[in-house]
Amino acid sequence: MKFIHVAEVDCDGEQELFSVKEYCAKLETPYTQLRKRLERIYYALCLFLEDEDNGFFLPRKKYAFLISANGKKRVVCAQLDTCPRVGEQVEFPLLWPELGRSMLYVSKIYHEFTDEGHEIMISLKQGYYNAYEVYEKEKAYAQGKLSVMEYHAD
């Protein structure tokens, strides 16, 4: 735990954030070794939080796919072992008759934590993920060229 650095707080009350590269240089540790250490801490914390005896039990996750295709919107609920990441292709053969295609991509992921559990809403769109388009949208938003409403519009 000696490699975890407590950042100083500036006058505005915001913490200074360091990149992994800066931590590696400060600790004189290779990136892969630091990543493995951080993964071990993360998994130890997850196991601790999921232990019912410590009072921080996380209930089962529920997945809901929000599907937008051909001007139609559908919701499909499922139980998954792992959550797909933004940009990954997902295939739903059961949607072929209705949408005319079964391959969709993950456009956004939303997490909601309630007393009942952790609900993960995965927004799917037809077509293929365009990383450059997402980059340009993020860039325009960061430069103030897009409003919040335009940024979050699908």
Foldseek 3Di string as FASTA:
>chain_A
DVLDDDFDADPVRDGDDDDLVVSCVVVVHDSVVVVVVVVVVVVVVVVVQCDVVVVNNADDEKEWEFEDAPNDTDIDTDDDPDDDDAQDWDFDVVCCVPRVGGIWGFHDWDWDQDPNHIYIYTYTYPDGDDPVVLVVLVVCVVVVVDDPCRSPDD
